[in-house]
Amino acid sequence: MSSVSQDKYDFLIVGAGLYGSICAHELTKRGYRVLVIDKRAHIGGNCYTENVEGVHVHRYGAHIFHTNDKRVWDYVNNFAEFRQYSHNVIANYKNSIYNLPFNMTTFNQIWGVSSPKEAKDMIEKQRFTGKITNLEEQALSLVGKDVYERLIKGYTAKQWRKDPTELPAAIIKRLPVRFTYDNNYFNDRYQGMPIGGYTQIFEKLLNGIDVRLNEDYLSEKDYWNAKALKVIYTGPIDKFFNYKHGLLEYKSVKWHNELMDQDNYQGCAVMNYTDEETPHTRIIEHKWFDDQGQKKTYVSWEFPQEYTQDVEPFYPVNDDTNGQIYQKYKASAEGLSTVHFGGRLGTYRYYDMHQVVAAALHQLETNSFFKV
């Protein structure tokens, strides 16, 4: 426990998202004084959900909690009751409907095959067998030409605003391929959706902790640093250092939202539009994440957005160029004894929610930085 005077905090945490909120909660339990600030008007980071006439809207895109780590699953269940939820994504290619992830239903829809052997034989005829150097080659090696061109190529080009040949192969490895009729998008043992949305989790994590919203840490860094002995920073690492090593690249998105006076718009939570001509990448109908028989529905059209330092960063582009830039920022960060960088933006990692939880808990238990 700290002996710091009551006019100064042990920790200033910049960002009230998942990493920052877990750190704040666990450090407070250990007896430290913590102040959390966030530039947004709400807690929860990109996991923030807002109740709009009974529909729990995922303001920053679809978030489904899934993990194979029982410890992580048990941890988040301390803060909300989760209902069983299987994420079944639909792909729309020029008004033809396909199942995602790629499975026997998908292969039947494309080729008319009905057995795993037939599907594997079709893929084998089309698959790329050379050295894999980019996303396109990785996709072609997994599912062959037909599936790639209908369900991956256009969607990927829109989503990342890059030709798939310019993207790292690792991105497409997140997409499972199955030779069964299982339409569950994730393979994880534990999957669910918090009844009532995600924001309640952050309200409980931050209960009793000093939180200040609408505060921009980087515009008054010296002022905020003076308030605490140590800083946990979860914002963009390149922005922290005023882009001295260059701008890290992110995928960014924007939304068009509508509350509709009807109970069902598209019949599923997420529909991906995989042709390159359709301007949006997907449509999210939020009520299906937490269906409580709402009479209205809330729908979001998701559009790719060119990333600049003035727009919201979402997913890091972990190619070689950005990796080299990040290593320079990481070295600069390691030279700061009073600042810890964490979370998706602070470590420039493509994190799912369960990975953020695991990373925060691991750092709290193993990193000497968290001992004041």
Protein backbone atom coordinates (compact mmCIF):
# COMPACT_ATOMS: atom_id res chain seq x y z
CA MET A 1 0.00 0.00 0.00
CA SER A 2 1.19 3.50 -0.83
CA SER A 3 2.04 6.18 1.70
CA VAL A 4 1.41 8.98 -0.82
CA SER A 5 -0.22 12.12 0.54
CA GLN A 6 -3.95 12.53 -0.05
CA ASP A 7 -3.48 15.37 -2.54
CA LYS A 8 -1.61 13.08 -4.95
CA TYR A 9 -2.55 9.77 -6.53
CA ASP A 10 -0.43 6.66 -6.80
CA PHE A 11 -1.59 6.04 -10.36
CA LEU A 12 -3.03 8.15 -13.12
CA ILE A 13 -4.71 5.89 -15.67
CA VAL A 14 -5.26 7.41 -19.09
CA GLY A 15 -8.19 5.67 -20.74
CA ALA A 16 -11.31 4.12 -19.20
CA GLY A 17 -11.40 1.16 -21.57
CA LEU A 18 -10.91 -2.49 -20.65
CA TYR A 19 -7.19 -2.41 -19.86
CA GLY A 20 -7.31 0.84 -17.92
CA SER A 21 -10.47 -0.04 -15.99
CA ILE A 22 -9.15 -3.44 -14.91
CA CYS A 23 -5.89 -1.85 -13.77
CA ALA A 24 -7.83 0.80 -11.85
CA HIS A 25 -10.03 -1.82 -10.17
CA GLU A 26 -7.24 -4.18 -9.20
CA LEU A 27 -4.88 -1.44 -7.98
CA THR A 28 -7.65 0.06 -5.87
CA LYS A 29 -8.28 -3.37 -4.33
CA ARG A 30 -4.60 -3.44 -3.41
CA GLY A 31 -4.94 -0.15 -1.55
CA TYR A 32 -3.59 2.35 -4.08
CA ARG A 33 -5.14 5.72 -4.87
CA VAL A 34 -6.13 5.86 -8.52
CA LEU A 35 -7.39 8.58 -10.85
CA VAL A 36 -8.84 7.61 -14.25
CA ILE A 37 -9.26 10.13 -17.06
CA ASP A 38 -10.68 9.71 -20.55
CA LYS A 39 -11.01 12.10 -23.47
CA ARG A 40 -14.46 10.72 -24.31
CA ALA A 41 -17.69 11.60 -22.53
CA HIS A 42 -18.18 8.02 -21.32
CA ILE A 43 -16.35 5.09 -19.77
CA GLY A 44 -15.90 1.73 -21.49
CA GLY A 45 -13.67 2.64 -24.41
CA ASN A 46 -14.68 0.89 -27.61
CA CYS A 47 -16.70 -1.65 -25.61
CA TYR A 48 -19.16 1.07 -24.57
CA THR A 49 -22.82 0.17 -25.03
CA GLU A 50 -25.69 2.64 -24.85
CA ASN A 51 -29.34 1.87 -24.15
CA VAL A 52 -31.43 3.35 -26.97
CA GLU A 53 -35.13 2.63 -26.33
CA GLY A 54 -34.35 -0.80 -24.93
CA VAL A 55 -31.70 -1.75 -27.49
CA HIS A 56 -28.14 -2.04 -26.17
CA VAL A 57 -26.18 -0.38 -28.94
CA HIS A 58 -22.50 -1.24 -29.48
CA ARG A 59 -21.36 2.29 -30.27
CA TYR A 60 -17.97 1.28 -31.67
CA GLY A 61 -18.87 -1.87 -33.53
CA ALA A 62 -19.75 -5.43 -32.62
CA HIS A 63 -18.10 -6.86 -29.49
CA ILE A 64 -18.57 -10.54 -28.66
CA PHE A 65 -16.81 -11.96 -25.62
CA HIS A 66 -15.16 -15.31 -26.30
CA THR A 67 -12.22 -17.11 -24.71
CA ASN A 68 -10.74 -20.50 -23.91
CA ASP A 69 -9.26 -19.11 -20.70
CA LYS A 70 -11.49 -20.07 -17.77
CA ARG A 71 -9.77 -17.58 -15.52
CA VAL A 72 -10.60 -14.71 -17.89
CA TRP A 73 -14.18 -15.95 -18.31
CA ASP A 74 -14.69 -16.20 -14.55
CA TYR A 75 -13.21 -12.74 -14.09
CA VAL A 76 -15.59 -10.93 -16.42
CA ASN A 77 -18.54 -12.87 -15.02
CA ASN A 78 -17.89 -11.13 -11.70
CA PHE A 79 -19.17 -7.92 -13.26
CA ALA A 80 -22.12 -8.99 -15.42
CA GLU A 81 -24.42 -11.91 -16.09
CA PHE A 82 -23.63 -13.35 -19.52
CA ARG A 83 -26.16 -15.11 -21.69
CA GLN A 84 -25.21 -17.82 -24.13
CA TYR A 85 -24.56 -16.26 -27.51
CA SER A 86 -23.25 -17.83 -30.69
CA HIS A 87 -22.02 -15.37 -33.29
CA ASN A 88 -23.44 -16.43 -36.65
CA VAL A 89 -22.28 -14.06 -39.36
CA ILE A 90 -23.91 -13.84 -42.79
CA ALA A 91 -22.05 -12.80 -45.95
CA ASN A 92 -23.89 -10.95 -48.70
CA TYR A 93 -22.17 -11.07 -52.10
CA LYS A 94 -24.20 -9.22 -54.72
CA ASN A 95 -27.43 -10.28 -52.94
CA SER A 96 -26.41 -13.94 -52.69
CA ILE A 97 -26.24 -15.13 -49.08
CA TYR A 98 -23.45 -17.28 -47.64
CA ASN A 99 -22.55 -18.54 -44.19
CA LEU A 100 -19.49 -17.41 -42.26
CA PRO A 101 -17.14 -18.72 -41.09
CA PHE A 102 -16.35 -20.83 -44.13
CA ASN A 103 -17.93 -24.21 -43.48
CA MET A 104 -19.79 -26.99 -45.28
CA THR A 105 -22.85 -24.77 -45.73
CA THR A 106 -20.67 -22.16 -47.45
CA PHE A 107 -19.04 -24.74 -49.69
CA ASN A 108 -22.43 -26.17 -50.61
CA GLN A 109 -23.70 -22.69 -51.45
CA ILE A 110 -20.72 -22.03 -53.74
CA TRP A 111 -19.99 -25.44 -55.30
CA GLY A 112 -23.03 -27.60 -54.51
CA VAL A 113 -20.85 -30.11 -52.65
CA SER A 114 -22.27 -31.99 -49.67
CA SER A 115 -19.33 -33.89 -48.18
CA PRO A 116 -16.09 -32.72 -46.58
CA LYS A 117 -14.07 -34.73 -49.11
CA GLU A 118 -15.74 -32.97 -52.04
CA ALA A 119 -15.11 -29.57 -50.44
CA LYS A 120 -11.47 -30.37 -49.72
CA ASP A 121 -10.99 -31.63 -53.27
CA MET A 122 -12.40 -28.38 -54.68
CA ILE A 123 -10.13 -26.28 -52.48
CA GLU A 124 -7.11 -28.43 -53.33
CA LYS A 125 -7.68 -27.79 -57.05
CA GLN A 126 -7.66 -24.03 -56.48
CA ARG A 127 -5.37 -23.43 -53.56
CA PHE A 128 -2.12 -21.48 -53.66
CA THR A 129 0.85 -23.70 -52.83
CA GLY A 130 3.80 -21.32 -53.05
CA LYS A 131 5.55 -19.32 -50.35
CA ILE A 132 3.03 -17.18 -48.48
CA THR A 133 4.02 -13.52 -48.29
CA ASN A 134 0.71 -11.65 -48.04
CA LEU A 135 -2.96 -11.90 -47.16
CA GLU A 136 -4.12 -12.87 -50.64
CA GLU A 137 -1.75 -15.81 -50.81
CA GLN A 138 -2.71 -16.88 -47.30
CA ALA A 139 -6.41 -16.81 -48.18
CA LEU A 140 -5.89 -18.69 -51.45
CA SER A 141 -3.92 -21.35 -49.59
CA LEU A 142 -6.79 -21.82 -47.11
CA VAL A 143 -9.92 -21.74 -49.27
CA GLY A 144 -8.98 -21.46 -52.94
CA LYS A 145 -9.92 -19.01 -55.68
CA ASP A 146 -13.76 -19.13 -55.67
CA VAL A 147 -14.25 -18.50 -51.96
CA TYR A 148 -11.50 -15.89 -51.92
CA GLU A 149 -12.92 -13.86 -54.78
CA ARG A 150 -16.52 -13.91 -53.53
CA LEU A 151 -16.10 -13.61 -49.78
CA ILE A 152 -12.64 -12.25 -48.95
CA LYS A 153 -11.05 -10.13 -51.66
CA GLY A 154 -13.54 -7.25 -51.96
CA TYR A 155 -14.40 -7.15 -48.27
CA THR A 156 -10.73 -7.04 -47.27
CA ALA A 157 -9.87 -4.34 -49.80
CA LYS A 158 -12.72 -2.15 -48.49
CA GLN A 159 -12.06 -2.85 -44.84
CA TRP A 160 -8.33 -2.11 -44.88
CA ARG A 161 -8.32 0.32 -47.82
CA LYS A 162 -5.47 -1.68 -49.28
CA ASP A 163 -5.08 -4.36 -51.90
CA PRO A 164 -4.91 -7.77 -50.15
CA THR A 165 -1.48 -8.34 -51.68
CA GLU A 166 -0.23 -5.39 -49.58
CA LEU A 167 -1.50 -6.79 -46.27
CA PRO A 168 0.25 -9.23 -43.90
CA ALA A 169 -0.84 -12.86 -44.07
CA ALA A 170 -1.47 -12.99 -40.31
CA ILE A 171 -4.69 -10.96 -40.60
CA ILE A 172 -6.63 -13.71 -42.40
CA LYS A 173 -5.59 -16.39 -39.92
CA ARG A 174 -8.27 -15.05 -37.58
CA LEU A 175 -10.95 -16.45 -39.89
CA PRO A 176 -11.71 -20.12 -39.19
CA VAL A 177 -12.32 -22.71 -41.93
CA ARG A 178 -14.39 -25.77 -41.03
CA PHE A 179 -15.42 -28.92 -42.82
CA THR A 180 -18.53 -29.27 -40.68
CA TYR A 181 -21.92 -27.55 -40.71
CA ASP A 182 -21.09 -25.54 -37.58
CA ASN A 183 -22.02 -21.87 -38.13
CA ASN A 184 -20.59 -20.60 -34.83
CA TYR A 185 -18.00 -17.97 -35.81
CA PHE A 186 -15.72 -18.65 -32.84
CA ASN A 187 -14.24 -21.93 -31.66
CA ASP A 188 -13.75 -20.83 -28.05
CA ARG A 189 -15.15 -22.86 -25.16
CA TYR A 190 -16.63 -19.82 -23.43
CA GLN A 191 -18.78 -17.41 -25.44
CA GLY A 192 -21.43 -14.96 -24.38
CA MET A 193 -22.96 -11.52 -24.32
CA PRO A 194 -23.55 -9.53 -21.10
CA ILE A 195 -27.26 -9.16 -20.46
CA GLY A 196 -27.83 -5.42 -20.47
CA GLY A 197 -24.69 -4.52 -22.40
CA TYR A 198 -21.01 -3.95 -21.58
CA THR A 199 -21.13 -0.56 -19.89
CA GLN A 200 -22.29 -2.10 -16.59
CA ILE A 201 -18.99 -3.99 -16.41
CA PHE A 202 -17.05 -0.73 -16.45
CA GLU A 203 -19.41 0.89 -13.94
CA LYS A 204 -18.62 -1.91 -11.51
CA LEU A 205 -14.89 -1.94 -12.26
CA LEU A 206 -14.68 1.80 -11.61
CA ASN A 207 -17.10 1.99 -8.71
CA GLY A 208 -15.68 4.23 -5.98
CA ILE A 209 -12.73 5.35 -8.13
CA ASP A 210 -12.14 8.96 -9.15
CA VAL A 211 -13.03 9.27 -12.84
CA ARG A 212 -12.90 12.41 -14.96
CA LEU A 213 -14.31 12.41 -18.47
CA ASN A 214 -13.81 14.81 -21.38
CA GLU A 215 -10.17 15.26 -20.37
CA ASP A 216 -7.39 15.20 -22.97
CA TYR A 217 -4.24 13.94 -21.28
CA LEU A 218 -1.88 14.76 -24.13
CA SER A 219 -2.93 18.39 -24.37
CA GLU A 220 -1.93 18.94 -20.70
CA LYS A 221 0.52 16.13 -20.06
CA ASP A 222 2.60 17.95 -17.44
CA TYR A 223 -0.51 18.97 -15.48
CA TRP A 224 -1.82 15.42 -15.32
CA ASN A 225 1.56 13.81 -14.67
CA ALA A 226 1.96 16.00 -11.61
CA LYS A 227 -1.15 14.42 -10.08
CA ALA A 228 0.32 10.95 -9.66
CA LEU A 229 3.51 9.04 -9.02
CA LYS A 230 3.04 6.78 -12.03
CA VAL A 231 1.01 6.79 -15.25
CA ILE A 232 -0.70 3.92 -17.05
CA TYR A 233 -1.25 5.11 -20.60
CA THR A 234 -3.64 3.25 -22.94
CA GLY A 235 -3.83 5.72 -25.83
CA PRO A 236 -1.91 5.61 -29.14
CA ILE A 237 1.78 5.20 -28.39
CA ASP A 238 2.87 7.23 -31.43
CA LYS A 239 0.69 10.14 -30.34
CA PHE A 240 2.21 10.05 -26.84
CA PHE A 241 5.63 10.69 -28.39
CA ASN A 242 4.26 13.32 -30.78
CA TYR A 243 4.87 11.01 -33.78
CA LYS A 244 8.65 11.45 -33.54
CA HIS A 245 9.28 8.06 -35.16
CA GLY A 246 6.46 8.39 -37.68
CA LEU A 247 2.71 7.73 -37.84
CA LEU A 248 1.57 4.20 -37.03
CA GLU A 249 -1.17 2.99 -39.35
CA TYR A 250 -4.62 1.83 -38.24
CA LYS A 251 -7.80 0.64 -39.84
CA SER A 252 -10.55 3.11 -39.02
CA VAL A 253 -14.31 3.02 -39.54
CA LYS A 254 -17.35 5.26 -39.31
CA TRP A 255 -21.05 4.50 -39.00
CA HIS A 256 -24.44 5.61 -40.24
CA ASN A 257 -27.01 4.76 -37.55
CA GLU A 258 -30.80 4.52 -37.58
CA LEU A 259 -33.39 3.69 -34.91
CA MET A 260 -36.23 1.96 -36.75
CA ASP A 261 -39.85 1.57 -35.74
CA GLN A 262 -39.88 -2.14 -36.59
CA ASP A 263 -38.76 -5.25 -34.76
CA ASN A 264 -36.51 -6.87 -37.38
CA TYR A 265 -34.42 -5.35 -40.17
CA GLN A 266 -32.07 -8.09 -41.42
CA GLY A 267 -32.70 -11.11 -39.19
CA CYS A 268 -29.16 -11.37 -37.79
CA ALA A 269 -26.68 -9.35 -35.75
CA VAL A 270 -24.02 -8.92 -38.44
CA MET A 271 -24.17 -9.14 -42.22
CA ASN A 272 -20.93 -8.62 -44.16
CA TYR A 273 -21.06 -7.15 -47.67
CA THR A 274 -18.20 -8.83 -49.47
CA ASP A 275 -18.31 -7.28 -52.94
CA GLU A 276 -16.08 -4.29 -53.50
CA GLU A 277 -18.81 -2.16 -55.11
CA THR A 278 -21.05 -1.92 -52.01
CA PRO A 279 -19.61 1.02 -50.04
CA HIS A 280 -20.27 -0.37 -46.54
CA THR A 281 -18.46 -3.38 -45.16
CA ARG A 282 -21.23 -4.63 -42.90
CA ILE A 283 -24.56 -3.88 -41.29
CA ILE A 284 -25.01 -4.42 -37.55
CA GLU A 285 -28.48 -4.92 -36.06
CA HIS A 286 -27.76 -4.50 -32.37
CA LYS A 287 -30.88 -6.02 -30.82
CA TRP A 288 -29.77 -9.53 -31.81
CA PHE A 289 -26.79 -9.32 -29.46
CA ASP A 290 -29.14 -9.13 -26.49
CA ASP A 291 -32.63 -9.91 -27.75
CA GLN A 292 -35.23 -8.99 -25.15
CA GLY A 293 -38.20 -8.81 -27.50
CA GLN A 294 -37.71 -5.12 -28.27
CA LYS A 295 -40.36 -3.67 -30.58
CA LYS A 296 -37.83 -1.35 -32.23
CA THR A 297 -34.46 -2.04 -33.77
CA TYR A 298 -31.24 -0.06 -34.11
CA VAL A 299 -29.13 -0.53 -37.23
CA SER A 300 -25.58 0.61 -38.04
CA TRP A 301 -24.00 0.70 -41.50
CA GLU A 302 -20.22 0.42 -41.13
CA PHE A 303 -17.97 2.20 -43.63
CA PRO A 304 -14.18 2.13 -43.96
CA GLN A 305 -12.47 5.43 -43.28
CA GLU A 306 -9.04 6.58 -44.34
CA TYR A 307 -6.82 6.81 -41.29
CA THR A 308 -5.10 10.04 -40.34
CA GLN A 309 -3.88 11.16 -36.94
CA ASP A 310 -7.12 13.11 -36.49
CA VAL A 311 -9.53 10.15 -36.80
CA GLU A 312 -10.25 7.37 -34.33
CA PRO A 313 -7.71 4.50 -34.48
CA PHE A 314 -9.27 1.03 -34.31
CA TYR A 315 -7.19 -1.88 -35.60
CA PRO A 316 -3.41 -1.76 -36.06
CA VAL A 317 -1.99 -2.65 -39.45
CA ASN A 318 0.69 -5.05 -38.25
CA ASP A 319 2.80 -5.22 -41.39
CA ASP A 320 6.60 -5.02 -41.48
CA THR A 321 6.74 -1.26 -42.01
CA ASN A 322 4.52 -0.47 -39.03
CA GLY A 323 6.26 -3.12 -36.97
CA GLN A 324 9.59 -1.39 -37.45
CA ILE A 325 8.10 1.96 -36.48
CA TYR A 326 6.50 0.45 -33.38
CA GLN A 327 9.79 -1.06 -32.22
CA LYS A 328 11.24 2.44 -32.11
CA TYR A 329 8.33 3.66 -30.00
CA LYS A 330 8.64 0.61 -27.74
CA ALA A 331 12.30 1.45 -27.13
CA SER A 332 11.35 5.03 -26.27
CA ALA A 333 8.64 3.77 -23.90
CA GLU A 334 11.06 1.47 -22.12
CA GLY A 335 13.16 4.50 -21.31
CA LEU A 336 10.38 6.02 -19.18
CA SER A 337 10.42 4.75 -15.61
CA THR A 338 7.12 6.35 -14.54
CA VAL A 339 4.91 5.48 -17.54
CA HIS A 340 3.49 2.06 -18.44
CA PHE A 341 1.98 1.50 -21.88
CA GLY A 342 -0.87 -0.98 -22.14
CA GLY A 343 -3.88 -2.08 -24.14
CA ARG A 344 -4.52 -2.21 -27.85
CA LEU A 345 -3.29 1.30 -28.67
CA GLY A 346 -0.52 1.50 -26.12
CA THR A 347 1.13 -1.71 -27.36
CA TYR A 348 -0.03 -1.55 -31.01
CA ARG A 349 -1.57 -5.03 -30.93
CA TYR A 350 -4.59 -6.61 -32.59
CA TYR A 351 -6.26 -7.56 -29.31
CA ASP A 352 -9.61 -9.24 -28.76
CA MET A 353 -11.34 -8.41 -25.48
CA HIS A 354 -10.28 -11.58 -23.69
CA GLN A 355 -6.67 -10.92 -24.64
CA VAL A 356 -6.86 -7.43 -23.13
CA VAL A 357 -8.23 -8.87 -19.88
CA ALA A 358 -5.49 -11.51 -19.75
CA ALA A 359 -2.78 -8.95 -20.52
CA ALA A 360 -3.96 -6.58 -17.79
CA LEU A 361 -4.15 -9.31 -15.15
CA HIS A 362 -0.76 -10.69 -16.16
CA GLN A 363 0.93 -7.29 -16.00
CA LEU A 364 -0.59 -6.52 -12.61
CA GLU A 365 0.78 -9.75 -11.20
CA THR A 366 4.20 -9.79 -12.78
CA ASN A 367 5.36 -6.25 -13.53
CA SER A 368 7.23 -4.40 -10.81
CA PHE A 369 5.94 -1.12 -12.28
CA PHE A 370 2.67 -1.71 -10.44
CA LYS A 371 4.36 -1.59 -7.05
CA VAL A 372 4.58 1.98 -5.75
